[in-house]
C-alpha atoms as a PDB file:
ATOM      1  CA  UNK A   1     168.357 100.430-171.837  1.00  0.00           C
ATOM      2  CA  UNK A   2     171.837 102.849-170.402  1.00  0.00           C
ATOM      3  CA  UNK A   3     171.175 106.363-171.100  1.00  0.00           C
ATOM      4  CA  UNK A   4     173.872 109.503-170.772  1.00  0.00           C
ATOM      5  CA  UNK A   5     172.513 112.527-170.284  1.00  0.00           C
ATOM      6  CA  UNK A   6     173.281 116.092-169.936  1.00  0.00           C
ATOM      7  CA  UNK A   7     171.653 119.193-167.936  1.00  0.00           C
ATOM      8  CA  UNK A   8     173.108 122.646-168.867  1.00  0.00           C
ATOM      9  CA  UNK A   9     169.697 125.074-168.868  1.00  0.00           C
ATOM     10  CA  UNK A  10     170.977 127.156-166.649  1.00  0.00           C
ATOM     11  CA  UNK A  11     173.650 127.366-163.627  1.00  0.00           C
ATOM     12  CA  UNK A  12     174.493 123.603-162.742  1.00  0.00           C
ATOM     13  CA  UNK A  13     176.500 121.471-165.017  1.00  0.00           C
ATOM     14  CA  UNK A  14     175.018 117.996-164.642  1.00  0.00           C
ATOM     15  CA  UNK A  15     175.461 114.369-166.018  1.00  0.00           C
ATOM     16  CA  UNK A  16     173.972 111.073-165.385  1.00  0.00           C
ATOM     17  CA  UNK A  17     173.734 107.866-166.500  1.00  0.00           C
ATOM     18  CA  UNK A  18     169.949 106.670-166.231  1.00  0.00           C
ATOM     19  CA  UNK A  19     168.715 102.743-166.802  1.00  0.00           C
ATOM     20  CA  UNK A  20     165.425 101.589-168.247  1.00  0.00           C
ATOM     21  CA  UNK A  21     164.012 105.391-166.944  1.00  0.00           C
ATOM     22  CA  UNK A  22     164.187 104.853-163.370  1.00  0.00           C
ATOM     23  CA  UNK A  23     167.188 103.656-162.229  1.00  0.00           C
ATOM     24  CA  UNK A  24     170.017 106.283-161.586  1.00  0.00           C
ATOM     25  CA  UNK A  25     173.883 104.635-161.712  1.00  0.00           C
ATOM     26  CA  UNK A  26     175.464 107.337-161.540  1.00  0.00           C
ATOM     27  CA  UNK A  27     175.039 111.076-161.282  1.00  0.00           C
ATOM     28  CA  UNK A  28     177.688 114.505-160.916  1.00  0.00           C
ATOM     29  CA  UNK A  29     176.661 117.983-160.566  1.00  0.00           C
ATOM     30  CA  UNK A  30     178.662 121.111-160.539  1.00  0.00           C
ATOM     31  CA  UNK A  31     177.091 124.216-159.038  1.00  0.00           C
ATOM     32  CA  UNK A  32     178.112 127.557-159.861  1.00  0.00           C
ATOM     33  CA  UNK A  33     177.021 129.654-156.937  1.00  0.00           C
ATOM     34  CA  UNK A  34     180.450 130.447-156.441  1.00  0.00           C
ATOM     35  CA  UNK A  35     180.921 131.645-159.749  1.00  0.00           C
ATOM     36  CA  UNK A  36     177.702 134.105-159.539  1.00  0.00           C
ATOM     37  CA  UNK A  37     177.480 134.493-155.883  1.00  0.00           C
ATOM     38  CA  UNK A  38     178.873 138.195-155.876  1.00  0.00           C
ATOM     39  CA  UNK A  39     176.619 139.144-158.911  1.00  0.00           C
ATOM     40  CA  UNK A  40     173.429 138.612-156.904  1.00  0.00           C
ATOM     41  CA  UNK A  41     171.996 136.335-159.623  1.00  0.00           C
ATOM     42  CA  UNK A  42     173.351 134.223-162.911  1.00  0.00           C
ATOM     43  CA  UNK A  43     175.402 135.602-165.514  1.00  0.00           C
ATOM     44  CA  UNK A  44     174.936 133.680-168.442  1.00  0.00           C
ATOM     45  CA  UNK A  45     178.343 134.534-170.372  1.00  0.00           C
ATOM     46  CA  UNK A  46     179.831 133.041-166.827  1.00  0.00           C
ATOM     47  CA  UNK A  47     177.267 130.297-167.085  1.00  0.00           C
ATOM     48  CA  UNK A  48     178.748 129.020-170.244  1.00  0.00           C
ATOM     49  CA  UNK A  49     182.030 129.046-169.911  1.00  0.00           C
ATOM     50  CA  UNK A  50     181.487 127.297-166.300  1.00  0.00           C
ATOM     51  CA  UNK A  51     179.290 124.610-168.283  1.00  0.00           C
ATOM     52  CA  UNK A  52     182.701 124.319-170.701  1.00  0.00           C
ATOM     53  CA  UNK A  53     185.199 123.713-168.207  1.00  0.00           C
ATOM     54  CA  UNK A  54     182.904 121.020-166.111  1.00  0.00           C
ATOM     55  CA  UNK A  55     181.258 118.749-168.463  1.00  0.00           C
ATOM     56  CA  UNK A  56     183.523 116.745-169.879  1.00  0.00           C
ATOM     57  CA  UNK A  57     185.151 115.538-166.356  1.00  0.00           C
ATOM     58  CA  UNK A  58     181.829 115.415-165.427  1.00  0.00           C
ATOM     59  CA  UNK A  59     180.776 112.724-168.251  1.00  0.00           C
ATOM     60  CA  UNK A  60     183.961 110.673-166.722  1.00  0.00           C
ATOM     61  CA  UNK A  61     183.014 110.950-163.229  1.00  0.00           C
ATOM     62  CA  UNK A  62     178.917 109.787-163.825  1.00  0.00           C
ATOM     63  CA  UNK A  63     180.127 107.059-165.864  1.00  0.00           C
ATOM     64  CA  UNK A  64     182.991 106.008-163.059  1.00  0.00           C
ATOM     65  CA  UNK A  65     180.194 106.157-160.738  1.00  0.00           C
ATOM     66  CA  UNK A  66     178.198 104.209-163.292  1.00  0.00           C
ATOM     67  CA  UNK A  67     180.780 101.762-163.230  1.00  0.00           C
ATOM     68  CA  UNK A  68     180.189 101.745-166.671  1.00  0.00           C
ATOM     69  CA  UNK A  69     182.268 102.608-169.888  1.00  0.00           C
ATOM     70  CA  UNK A  70     181.248 104.549-172.598  1.00  0.00           C
ATOM     71  CA  UNK A  71     180.848 101.540-175.319  1.00  0.00           C
ATOM     72  CA  UNK A  72     178.465 100.527-172.827  1.00  0.00           C
ATOM     73  CA  UNK A  73     176.411 103.290-173.005  1.00  0.00           C
ATOM     74  CA  UNK A  74     173.004 102.804-175.462  1.00  0.00           C
ATOM     75  CA  UNK A  75     171.653 106.301-175.525  1.00  0.00           C
ATOM     76  CA  UNK A  76     172.810 109.842-175.276  1.00  0.00           C
ATOM     77  CA  UNK A  77     169.942 112.479-174.262  1.00  0.00           C
ATOM     78  CA  UNK A  78     170.311 116.537-173.464  1.00  0.00           C
ATOM     79  CA  UNK A  79     167.883 119.121-172.522  1.00  0.00           C
ATOM     80  CA  UNK A  80     167.299 121.424-175.664  1.00  0.00           C
ATOM     81  CA  UNK A  81     165.618 124.023-173.571  1.00  0.00           C
ATOM     82  CA  UNK A  82     164.332 126.098-172.464  1.00  0.00           C
ATOM     83  CA  UNK A  83     167.064 127.708-170.751  1.00  0.00           C
ATOM     84  CA  UNK A  84     169.639 130.297-171.159  1.00  0.00           C
ATOM     85  CA  UNK A  85     171.314 129.351-174.735  1.00  0.00           C
ATOM     86  CA  UNK A  86     174.522 129.678-174.643  1.00  0.00           C
ATOM     87  CA  UNK A  87     174.507 127.479-171.390  1.00  0.00           C
ATOM     88  CA  UNK A  88     172.089 124.886-173.431  1.00  0.00           C
ATOM     89  CA  UNK A  89     174.790 125.234-176.591  1.00  0.00           C
ATOM     90  CA  UNK A  90     177.671 123.696-174.302  1.00  0.00           C
ATOM     91  CA  UNK A  91     175.407 120.574-173.447  1.00  0.00           C
ATOM     92  CA  UNK A  92     173.931 120.315-176.762  1.00  0.00           C
ATOM     93  CA  UNK A  93     177.406 120.060-178.816  1.00  0.00           C
ATOM     94  CA  UNK A  94     179.169 117.603-176.125  1.00  0.00           C
ATOM     95  CA  UNK A  95     176.127 115.070-176.723  1.00  0.00           C
ATOM     96  CA  UNK A  96     176.148 115.473-180.326  1.00  0.00           C
ATOM     97  CA  UNK A  97     179.646 114.994-180.532  1.00  0.00           C
ATOM     98  CA  UNK A  98     179.383 111.752-178.265  1.00  0.00           C
ATOM     99  CA  UNK A  99     176.075 110.250-180.303  1.00  0.00           C
ATOM    100  CA  UNK A 100     178.519 110.680-183.632  1.00  0.00           C
ATOM    101  CA  UNK A 101     181.667 109.794-182.433  1.00  0.00           C
ATOM    102  CA  UNK A 102     180.131 106.738-180.508  1.00  0.00           C
ATOM    103  CA  UNK A 103     177.288 106.187-183.350  1.00  0.00           C
ATOM    104  CA  UNK A 104     174.638 105.923-180.886  1.00  0.00           C
ATOM    105  CA  UNK A 105     170.945 107.414-181.385  1.00  0.00           C
ATOM    106  CA  UNK A 106     170.056 110.791-179.689  1.00  0.00           C
ATOM    107  CA  UNK A 107     167.218 112.130-177.274  1.00  0.00           C
ATOM    108  CA  UNK A 108     166.479 115.880-177.048  1.00  0.00           C
ATOM    109  CA  UNK A 109     164.880 116.677-173.838  1.00  0.00           C
ATOM    110  CA  UNK A 110     162.429 119.559-172.562  1.00  0.00           C
ATOM    111  CA  UNK A 111     164.075 120.436-169.199  1.00  0.00           C
ATOM    112  CA  UNK A 112     160.560 121.504-167.533  1.00  0.00           C
ATOM    113  CA  UNK A 113     158.575 118.046-169.001  1.00  0.00           C
ATOM    114  CA  UNK A 114     162.003 116.455-167.308  1.00  0.00           C
ATOM    115  CA  UNK A 115     161.324 117.770-163.612  1.00  0.00           C
ATOM    116  CA  UNK A 116     157.402 116.758-163.326  1.00  0.00           C
ATOM    117  CA  UNK A 117     159.308 113.237-164.874  1.00  0.00           C
ATOM    118  CA  UNK A 118     161.700 113.446-161.643  1.00  0.00           C
ATOM    119  CA  UNK A 119     159.521 111.925-159.393  1.00  0.00           C
ATOM    120  CA  UNK A 120     159.595 108.746-161.186  1.00  0.00           C
ATOM    121  CA  UNK A 121     163.300 108.509-160.668  1.00  0.00           C
ATOM    122  CA  UNK A 122     164.212 105.486-157.813  1.00  0.00           C
ATOM    123  CA  UNK A 123     160.584 104.361-158.043  1.00  0.00           C
ATOM    124  CA  UNK A 124     160.112 101.305-160.720  1.00  0.00           C
ATOM    125  CA  UNK A 125     156.699 100.524-159.061  1.00  0.00           C
ATOM    126  CA  UNK A 126     155.232 104.195-159.659  1.00  0.00           C
ATOM    127  CA  UNK A 127     152.271 104.150-161.323  1.00  0.00           C
ATOM    128  CA  UNK A 128     151.161 107.679-162.977  1.00  0.00           C
ATOM    129  CA  UNK A 129     147.967 107.932-165.114  1.00  0.00           C
ATOM    130  CA  UNK A 130     146.344 111.532-166.002  1.00  0.00           C
ATOM    131  CA  UNK A 131     147.524 114.380-163.590  1.00  0.00           C
ATOM    132  CA  UNK A 132     148.236 117.652-162.926  1.00  0.00           C
ATOM    133  CA  UNK A 133     151.889 118.593-162.704  1.00  0.00           C
ATOM    134  CA  UNK A 134     153.109 121.854-160.735  1.00  0.00           C
ATOM    135  CA  UNK A 135     156.557 123.199-161.942  1.00  0.00           C
ATOM    136  CA  UNK A 136     158.089 125.793-159.536  1.00  0.00           C
ATOM    137  CA  UNK A 137     161.990 126.949-159.560  1.00  0.00           C
ATOM    138  CA  UNK A 138     163.761 130.517-159.917  1.00  0.00           C
ATOM    139  CA  UNK A 139     162.994 130.441-163.669  1.00  0.00           C
ATOM    140  CA  UNK A 140     159.470 128.665-164.176  1.00  0.00           C
ATOM    141  CA  UNK A 141     155.827 128.508-162.150  1.00  0.00           C
ATOM    142  CA  UNK A 142     153.380 126.604-163.839  1.00  0.00           C
ATOM    143  CA  UNK A 143     150.466 124.454-163.919  1.00  0.00           C
ATOM    144  CA  UNK A 144     150.058 121.651-166.718  1.00  0.00           C
ATOM    145  CA  UNK A 145     147.842 118.954-167.486  1.00  0.00           C
ATOM    146  CA  UNK A 146     149.738 115.650-168.129  1.00  0.00           C
ATOM    147  CA  UNK A 147     148.339 113.024-170.103  1.00  0.00           C
ATOM    148  CA  UNK A 148     151.883 111.376-170.474  1.00  0.00           C
ATOM    149  CA  UNK A 149     155.683 112.033-169.979  1.00  0.00           C
ATOM    150  CA  UNK A 150     156.324 114.331-172.684  1.00  0.00           C
ATOM    151  CA  UNK A 151     152.410 115.137-173.560  1.00  0.00           C
ATOM    152  CA  UNK A 152     151.649 118.367-171.645  1.00  0.00           C
ATOM    153  CA  UNK A 153     149.619 121.169-171.721  1.00  0.00           C
ATOM    154  CA  UNK A 154     149.730 124.480-169.835  1.00  0.00           C
ATOM    155  CA  UNK A 155     146.951 125.292-167.525  1.00  0.00           C
ATOM    156  CA  UNK A 156     148.221 128.910-165.843  1.00  0.00           C
ATOM    157  CA  UNK A 157     151.814 130.549-165.269  1.00  0.00           C
ATOM    158  CA  UNK A 158     153.292 133.075-163.685  1.00  0.00           C
ATOM    159  CA  UNK A 159     152.392 136.681-164.807  1.00  0.00           C
ATOM    160  CA  UNK A 160     155.677 137.858-163.940  1.00  0.00           C
ATOM    161  CA  UNK A 161     157.859 136.903-161.143  1.00  0.00           C
ATOM    162  CA  UNK A 162     158.396 133.045-160.563  1.00  0.00           C
ATOM    163  CA  UNK A 163     158.626 131.402-157.237  1.00  0.00           C
ATOM    164  CA  UNK A 164     161.959 130.530-156.886  1.00  0.00           C
ATOM    165  CA  UNK A 165     162.788 134.271-158.503  1.00  0.00           C
ATOM    166  CA  UNK A 166     160.633 136.142-155.775  1.00  0.00           C
ATOM    167  CA  UNK A 167     162.505 133.763-153.128  1.00  0.00           C
ATOM    168  CA  UNK A 168     165.692 135.018-154.180  1.00  0.00           C
ATOM    169  CA  UNK A 169     165.044 138.540-154.658  1.00  0.00           C
ATOM    170  CA  UNK A 170     163.338 138.969-150.924  1.00  0.00           C
ATOM    171  CA  UNK A 171     166.113 136.991-149.467  1.00  0.00           C
ATOM    172  CA  UNK A 172     168.014 139.653-151.325  1.00  0.00           C
ATOM    173  CA  UNK A 173     166.190 142.207-149.660  1.00  0.00           C
ATOM    174  CA  UNK A 174     166.819 141.388-146.438  1.00  0.00           C
ATOM    175  CA  UNK A 175     170.564 140.965-147.035  1.00  0.00           C
ATOM    176  CA  UNK A 176     170.016 136.592-146.947  1.00  0.00           C
ATOM    177  CA  UNK A 177     172.705 136.384-149.319  1.00  0.00           C
ATOM    178  CA  UNK A 178     172.606 134.514-153.011  1.00  0.00           C
ATOM    179  CA  UNK A 179     171.005 131.993-153.526  1.00  0.00           C
ATOM    180  CA  UNK A 180     168.307 133.143-150.442  1.00  0.00           C
ATOM    181  CA  UNK A 181     165.789 130.682-151.102  1.00  0.00           C
ATOM    182  CA  UNK A 182     167.189 128.025-148.798  1.00  0.00           C
ATOM    183  CA  UNK A 183     168.504 130.330-146.324  1.00  0.00           C
ATOM    184  CA  UNK A 184     164.664 132.247-146.097  1.00  0.00           C
ATOM    185  CA  UNK A 185     163.361 128.812-145.707  1.00  0.00           C
ATOM    186  CA  UNK A 186     165.922 127.555-142.677  1.00  0.00           C
ATOM    187  CA  UNK A 187     164.591 131.268-141.079  1.00  0.00           C
ATOM    188  CA  UNK A 188     161.182 130.926-142.012  1.00  0.00           C
ATOM    189  CA  UNK A 189     161.076 127.503-139.461  1.00  0.00           C
ATOM    190  CA  UNK A 190     161.573 129.466-136.254  1.00  0.00           C
ATOM    191  CA  UNK A 191     159.003 132.534-137.196  1.00  0.00           C
ATOM    192  CA  UNK A 192     155.474 133.076-136.870  1.00  0.00           C
ATOM    193  CA  UNK A 193     153.608 132.471-140.249  1.00  0.00           C
ATOM    194  CA  UNK A 194     150.691 135.058-139.704  1.00  0.00           C
ATOM    195  CA  UNK A 195     152.891 137.583-137.738  1.00  0.00           C
ATOM    196  CA  UNK A 196     152.984 140.126-141.012  1.00  0.00           C
ATOM    197  CA  UNK A 197     150.039 140.594-143.140  1.00  0.00           C
ATOM    198  CA  UNK A 198     150.934 140.358-146.442  1.00  0.00           C
ATOM    199  CA  UNK A 199     148.702 139.478-150.096  1.00  0.00           C
ATOM    200  CA  UNK A 200     147.908 136.560-151.921  1.00  0.00           C
ATOM    201  CA  UNK A 201     147.049 136.858-155.804  1.00  0.00           C
ATOM    202  CA  UNK A 202     144.149 135.221-156.934  1.00  0.00           C
ATOM    203  CA  UNK A 203     143.639 136.374-160.151  1.00  0.00           C
ATOM    204  CA  UNK A 204     140.109 135.589-160.165  1.00  0.00           C
ATOM    205  CA  UNK A 205     139.690 135.938-164.372  1.00  0.00           C
ATOM    206  CA  UNK A 206     142.579 133.710-164.692  1.00  0.00           C
ATOM    207  CA  UNK A 207     142.675 131.209-161.538  1.00  0.00           C
ATOM    208  CA  UNK A 208     145.252 128.760-162.412  1.00  0.00           C
ATOM    209  CA  UNK A 209     147.906 131.912-163.245  1.00  0.00           C
ATOM    210  CA  UNK A 210     150.266 132.850-160.525  1.00  0.00           C
ATOM    211  CA  UNK A 211     151.864 136.229-159.715  1.00  0.00           C
ATOM    212  CA  UNK A 212     154.150 137.370-156.791  1.00  0.00           C
ATOM    213  CA  UNK A 213     155.099 140.974-158.074  1.00  0.00           C
ATOM    214  CA  UNK A 214     152.729 142.556-155.259  1.00  0.00           C
ATOM    215  CA  UNK A 215     153.681 139.965-152.764  1.00  0.00           C
ATOM    216  CA  UNK A 216     157.493 140.759-153.333  1.00  0.00           C
ATOM    217  CA  UNK A 217     156.656 144.815-153.422  1.00  0.00           C
ATOM    218  CA  UNK A 218     154.491 144.433-150.067  1.00  0.00           C
ATOM    219  CA  UNK A 219     157.894 143.083-148.295  1.00  0.00           C
ATOM    220  CA  UNK A 220     159.813 145.716-149.886  1.00  0.00           C
ATOM    221  CA  UNK A 221     157.683 148.408-148.381  1.00  0.00           C
ATOM    222  CA  UNK A 222     157.720 146.990-145.188  1.00  0.00           C
ATOM    223  CA  UNK A 223     161.255 146.947-145.158  1.00  0.00           C
ATOM    224  CA  UNK A 224     161.593 150.882-146.421  1.00  0.00           C
ATOM    225  CA  UNK A 225     158.458 151.235-143.577  1.00  0.00           C
ATOM    226  CA  UNK A 226     160.148 149.014-140.878  1.00  0.00           C
ATOM    227  CA  UNK A 227     163.893 148.483-141.843  1.00  0.00           C
ATOM    228  CA  UNK A 228     165.360 145.024-142.331  1.00  0.00           C
ATOM    229  CA  UNK A 229     164.161 143.160-139.040  1.00  0.00           C
ATOM    230  CA  UNK A 230     167.052 141.154-136.940  1.00  0.00           C
ATOM    231  CA  UNK A 231     165.923 138.297-134.507  1.00  0.00           C
ATOM    232  CA  UNK A 232     163.139 136.707-134.364  1.00  0.00           C
ATOM    233  CA  UNK A 233     160.947 139.578-136.089  1.00  0.00           C
ATOM    234  CA  UNK A 234     163.274 138.663-139.567  1.00  0.00           C
ATOM    235  CA  UNK A 235     162.009 135.022-138.967  1.00  0.00           C
ATOM    236  CA  UNK A 236     158.429 135.999-138.469  1.00  0.00           C
ATOM    237  CA  UNK A 237     158.990 138.314-142.182  1.00  0.00           C
ATOM    238  CA  UNK A 238     160.337 134.985-143.489  1.00  0.00           C
ATOM    239  CA  UNK A 239     157.762 132.839-142.564  1.00  0.00           C
ATOM    240  CA  UNK A 240     155.017 135.139-143.075  1.00  0.00           C
ATOM    241  CA  UNK A 241     156.302 135.777-146.945  1.00  0.00           C
ATOM    242  CA  UNK A 242     156.852 131.569-147.331  1.00  0.00           C
ATOM    243  CA  UNK A 243     153.730 130.924-146.417  1.00  0.00           C
ATOM    244  CA  UNK A 244     152.173 133.748-148.615  1.00  0.00           C
ATOM    245  CA  UNK A 245     153.693 131.650-151.870  1.00  0.00           C
ATOM    246  CA  UNK A 246     152.729 128.424-150.277  1.00  0.00           C
ATOM    247  CA  UNK A 247     148.903 129.209-149.522  1.00  0.00           C
ATOM    248  CA  UNK A 248     149.210 130.070-153.788  1.00  0.00           C
ATOM    249  CA  UNK A 249     150.660 127.188-154.796  1.00  0.00           C
ATOM    250  CA  UNK A 250     148.704 124.843-153.077  1.00  0.00           C
ATOM    251  CA  UNK A 251     145.304 126.526-154.089  1.00  0.00           C
ATOM    252  CA  UNK A 252     146.137 126.724-157.266  1.00  0.00           C
ATOM    253  CA  UNK A 253     147.428 123.247-157.409  1.00  0.00           C
ATOM    254  CA  UNK A 254     144.747 121.701-155.935  1.00  0.00           C
ATOM    255  CA  UNK A 255     141.998 123.742-157.752  1.00  0.00           C
ATOM    256  CA  UNK A 256     143.449 122.606-160.956  1.00  0.00           C
ATOM    257  CA  UNK A 257     143.838 119.132-159.973  1.00  0.00           C
ATOM    258  CA  UNK A 258     139.848 119.784-159.031  1.00  0.00           C
ATOM    259  CA  UNK A 259     139.317 120.990-162.092  1.00  0.00           C
ATOM    260  CA  UNK A 260     140.955 118.291-164.320  1.00  0.00           C
ATOM    261  CA  UNK A 261     139.108 115.699-162.822  1.00  0.00           C
ATOM    262  CA  UNK A 262     142.503 113.706-161.604  1.00  0.00           C
ATOM    263  CA  UNK A 263     143.637 112.179-158.362  1.00  0.00           C
ATOM    264  CA  UNK A 264     147.084 112.682-158.793  1.00  0.00           C
ATOM    265  CA  UNK A 265     149.469 115.972-158.145  1.00  0.00           C
ATOM    266  CA  UNK A 266     153.092 115.985-159.006  1.00  0.00           C
ATOM    267  CA  UNK A 267     155.207 118.721-157.749  1.00  0.00           C
ATOM    268  CA  UNK A 268     158.385 119.848-158.868  1.00  0.00           C
ATOM    269  CA  UNK A 269     161.412 121.833-159.855  1.00  0.00           C
ATOM    270  CA  UNK A 270     163.723 124.007-157.001  1.00  0.00           C
ATOM    271  CA  UNK A 271     160.878 125.424-154.962  1.00  0.00           C
ATOM    272  CA  UNK A 272     159.888 121.984-154.186  1.00  0.00           C
ATOM    273  CA  UNK A 273     162.828 121.109-151.731  1.00  0.00           C
ATOM    274  CA  UNK A 274     161.164 123.848-149.573  1.00  0.00           C
ATOM    275  CA  UNK A 275     160.292 122.606-146.412  1.00  0.00           C
ATOM    276  CA  UNK A 276     156.856 124.306-145.744  1.00  0.00           C
ATOM    277  CA  UNK A 277     156.167 123.577-149.337  1.00  0.00           C
ATOM    278  CA  UNK A 278     156.393 120.045-149.089  1.00  0.00           C
ATOM    279  CA  UNK A 279     155.053 120.064-145.310  1.00  0.00           C
ATOM    280  CA  UNK A 280     152.017 122.290-146.768  1.00  0.00           C
ATOM    281  CA  UNK A 281     152.020 119.918-150.048  1.00  0.00           C
ATOM    282  CA  UNK A 282     151.742 116.457-147.972  1.00  0.00           C
ATOM    283  CA  UNK A 283     149.669 117.249-145.442  1.00  0.00           C
ATOM    284  CA  UNK A 284     147.176 120.430-145.771  1.00  0.00           C
ATOM    285  CA  UNK A 285     146.578 119.379-149.268  1.00  0.00           C
ATOM    286  CA  UNK A 286     145.649 115.725-148.982  1.00  0.00           C
ATOM    287  CA  UNK A 287     143.127 116.760-145.859  1.00  0.00           C
ATOM    288  CA  UNK A 288     141.654 118.775-147.761  1.00  0.00           C
ATOM    289  CA  UNK A 289     140.847 116.629-151.087  1.00  0.00           C
ATOM    290  CA  UNK A 290     141.230 113.404-152.146  1.00  0.00           C
ATOM    291  CA  UNK A 291     144.493 113.870-153.683  1.00  0.00           C
ATOM    292  CA  UNK A 292     147.284 111.808-154.279  1.00  0.00           C
ATOM    293  CA  UNK A 293     150.802 114.101-153.809  1.00  0.00           C
ATOM    294  CA  UNK A 294     153.781 113.202-155.024  1.00  0.00           C
ATOM    295  CA  UNK A 295     157.450 115.253-155.189  1.00  0.00           C
ATOM    296  CA  UNK A 296     160.677 113.858-155.965  1.00  0.00           C
ATOM    297  CA  UNK A 297     163.446 113.421-153.935  1.00  0.00           C
ATOM    298  CA  UNK A 298     164.974 116.596-153.132  1.00  0.00           C
ATOM    299  CA  UNK A 299     168.193 115.990-154.803  1.00  0.00           C
ATOM    300  CA  UNK A 300     165.791 115.628-157.646  1.00  0.00           C
ATOM    301  CA  UNK A 301     164.226 118.492-157.742  1.00  0.00           C
ATOM    302  CA  UNK A 302     166.852 121.486-158.186  1.00  0.00           C
ATOM    303  CA  UNK A 303     168.462 120.881-162.311  1.00  0.00           C
ATOM    304  CA  UNK A 304     169.895 117.500-162.754  1.00  0.00           C
ATOM    305  CA  UNK A 305     170.355 115.255-165.610  1.00  0.00           C
ATOM    306  CA  UNK A 306     168.833 111.818-164.094  1.00  0.00           C
ATOM    307  CA  UNK A 307     165.546 113.485-164.935  1.00  0.00           C
ATOM    308  CA  UNK A 308     166.667 114.281-168.232  1.00  0.00           C
ATOM    309  CA  UNK A 309     167.814 110.796-168.868  1.00  0.00           C
ATOM    310  CA  UNK A 310     164.752 109.382-167.096  1.00  0.00           C
ATOM    311  CA  UNK A 311     162.466 111.321-169.625  1.00  0.00           C
ATOM    312  CA  UNK A 312     164.728 110.569-172.574  1.00  0.00           C
ATOM    313  CA  UNK A 313     163.841 106.247-172.187  1.00  0.00           C
ATOM    314  CA  UNK A 314     160.351 107.073-172.660  1.00  0.00           C
ATOM    315  CA  UNK A 315     161.132 109.410-175.939  1.00  0.00           C
ATOM    316  CA  UNK A 316     163.189 106.606-176.856  1.00  0.00           C
ATOM    317  CA  UNK A 317     160.738 103.838-176.205  1.00  0.00           C
ATOM    318  CA  UNK A 318     158.346 105.599-178.225  1.00  0.00           C
ATOM    319  CA  UNK A 319     160.953 106.367-181.292  1.00  0.00           C
ATOM    320  CA  UNK A 320     161.138 110.328-180.884  1.00  0.00           C
ATOM    321  CA  UNK A 321     165.052 110.462-181.407  1.00  0.00           C
ATOM    322  CA  UNK A 322     166.759 113.793-182.699  1.00  0.00           C
ATOM    323  CA  UNK A 323     168.961 114.387-185.709  1.00  0.00           C
ATOM    324  CA  UNK A 324     172.406 115.184-184.459  1.00  0.00           C
ATOM    325  CA  UNK A 325     173.235 116.990-187.494  1.00  0.00           C
ATOM    326  CA  UNK A 326     170.197 119.849-187.446  1.00  0.00           C
ATOM    327  CA  UNK A 327     169.255 119.531-183.530  1.00  0.00           C
ATOM    328  CA  UNK A 328     170.016 123.168-182.147  1.00  0.00           C
ATOM    329  CA  UNK A 329     169.171 124.526-178.641  1.00  0.00           C
ATOM    330  CA  UNK A 330     165.747 126.338-178.154  1.00  0.00           C
ATOM    331  CA  UNK A 331     166.053 128.523-175.323  1.00  0.00           C
ATOM    332  CA  UNK A 332     161.868 129.116-175.628  1.00  0.00           C
ATOM    333  CA  UNK A 333     161.460 125.517-176.500  1.00  0.00           C
ATOM    334  CA  UNK A 334     157.471 125.035-176.039  1.00  0.00           C
ATOM    335  CA  UNK A 335     155.452 122.142-175.690  1.00  0.00           C
ATOM    336  CA  UNK A 336     155.237 120.480-179.224  1.00  0.00           C
ATOM    337  CA  UNK A 337     158.916 119.570-178.594  1.00  0.00           C
ATOM    338  CA  UNK A 338     158.679 116.123-179.134  1.00  0.00           C
ATOM    339  CA  UNK A 339     155.335 115.468-181.784  1.00  0.00           C
ATOM    340  CA  UNK A 340     156.147 112.446-183.252  1.00  0.00           C
END
């Protein structure tokens, strides 16, 4: 089954062609960093306009890279939510038109469930039973019990900032620009992880929930007292902040896996590209518990359409199609979206 998938939930326009859920035949992504950089964050209206300009050319480019024509597409897939409503509508209307014009079935996909599915891309041999998934990005930080590709149960979530949001806000505070997460990661590689004492929110009454606002405030207080550091001192502060985030993510994810009695942890989303988090997960977590830790390739961690097409294959096999005439964007789409 060749699936043409579209993803426009936030600030990256993406189109991909995926065969049988795991083989990415062609992928095309247009970043909006240059559009939003001067505002220090995503401006929803500008994001929607950029999606309008990029979507149709990207459909053509993804098909060209897949060496397929539109007539060879079997199914259309699109992100229904969660995300920015205007941005979602651009992808959804494009997918709706393609499905009706080509007389092809349409599949609606949950953005977070697709992130957790991304670990399967390019790995046809991978077998996943019940597992715990950590979705960690600029807009989401949450733990899920995953009983199937579209069967997620929320275990814990951030009570304030998402981890990626905290990275970007601290990076902005330190004058690293936008988006700052990757720049902070690069600086942190040369720093000492214990140079600055920073808090870890454990939340005893809600042990699988997250909170990063106190950590962010601690960095702000440090800067107000000492000023923005430079040189090695800046690297040390970045490394100390990053280590605090990773400590919380790794400890809570492994605790969730123990509580659920599973031996596999999947970590996905844009922050899963962070070099220190990947190191901690692939080394520390495996040493301290009998966990199989799986991460997507870095190119499939950030928003992309391949993950949408991959999960859509599983939904299509289960007969979970959407009505192109009535399907609507849902910025707060819940986990029951794919219920039969």
